[in-house]
Amino acid sequence: MTIYDELKARGLIAQVTDEEEIKELINNGKATFYIGFDPTADSLHVGHFMALCLMKRLQMAGNRPIALVGGGTGMIGDPSGRSDMRSMMTVETIQHNCDCFKKQMSKFIDFSEGKALMLNNADWLLKLNYVELLREVGACFSVNNMLRAECYKQRMEKGLSFLEFNYMIMQSYDFYHMFQTVGCNMQCGGDDQWSNMLGGTELIRRKLGKDAYAMTITLLLTSEGKKMGKTQAGAVWLDPEKTSPYEFYQYWRNIDDADVLKCLRMLTFLPLEQIDEMDKWEGAQLNRAKEILAFELTKLVHDEVEAQKAQDAARALFAQGGDRSNMPTTTLTDADLSDGKLSVVDLMVKCGLAPSKGEARRLIQQGGVEINGEKVIDTAAVCKAEAMHGEGLTVKKGKKVFHRVLLA
């Protein structure tokens, strides 16, 4: 099976500009392709997982990936998939986030000599002269076509700023620049980037008279059509300081039955034949499939040792509430308490188990909170300081989420 056929079989490819040419490129290791990453945080998250896995797969097939960090475009903000304008970041914040990205990307991509590049579009975008840019590429973009693009339609209802309107031109210029300087002949990205990617291929065609290609990746959605990688506490991060390996493992272990086979195909490197066998699994066997998924993805992001620890801890907890050493833990101080006590509602919020006090109360009222094995039935219940010493408290939310609370 060729790499292109495998990507199709795994359900990874959404749209392509020229299927036969792209097949020829990637099947023969001739693609120098880029994927852009906006440095809006100091860690990548599950939403970036598809892109990283695609880069790894294509590199394994002999192609050369370029991880393009948007130090320049990040100063404007991508309107794609947004109903509001992104907040502006300082140059220092963007640089810090870029540095964090490379460390995480190195677990997926081999950046050794000639194998891959990591570039920052600030290196060329921030040097551009506005009038020269208008003269060079302005005539290549139709405002009518830009306004028809899906990424702008969503923002038009609330008001699209001129700042954001420039984003497509900037992203297209990236492709145009790298096509000429590092031989980049293909762009990949999420399917919501299709309009921006076509802008780049069209700019190259009109300015240079040459062909470049675009391929979008299927967005990682749940069976309900929602983006994967979000919990009540927020995004599921790849940084172990933001989302522990145990929490990361648990996220995948707890996905819906309807999503597990799709995630195994799209995200893991297990052979398709092995995954196809799991298509026949049902009932309790699906829990085994979820364990395999959670282990494989935790191993990819954090390493096999951390994946094994997370799996052992999860099994022990579900079996008898045992080993808590690898459980996600929040350490409080006396300043978090009032008169040596803390309400369970406040405890839930401080631990990130509920986004608000109102949501914490609702969970308690629905019988979804246990502390040290006992169900909390009173929304006014409190925990005393002495209960948080030693092994601390074990808080259970719902059927599957465990958290330990210690007092420093």
Foldseek 3Di string as FASTA:
>chain_A
DFLVVLCVVLQWFDDKDDVVVVSVCQSQQNAEEEEEDELPDLFAFPQCQLVLQVCLSSLVSNHEYEYEYALPLNQQAALQPHQDGDDGDDSVSSVNSLVSYVVQSVLRAPPPPPSYHYYYLCVPPVPDDPVVLCVQQVVLDDPVLLCVQPSNVSHVVVPDDPSNSCSLVSLLVVLLVCCPVVVHQEYEEAPSCVSSRVSNQSSCCVNPVDGGMYIYTYACAAPVGHHPQADQLGGGTLDCVVQNLLNQLLSQLPGDLVCLLSCCSSRAPPDPVVSVVCVPDDDPVSSVSSLVSSLRVSCSRPNNVSSVVSSVCQVQCLVPNDDCPRAAEDEAECVQADPQKDFVLSVCCSSSVHVHSVRSLVQLCVQFKDKPRHTRNDNRHMDGQVQQDDQAIWMGGHNRHIYGYHYD
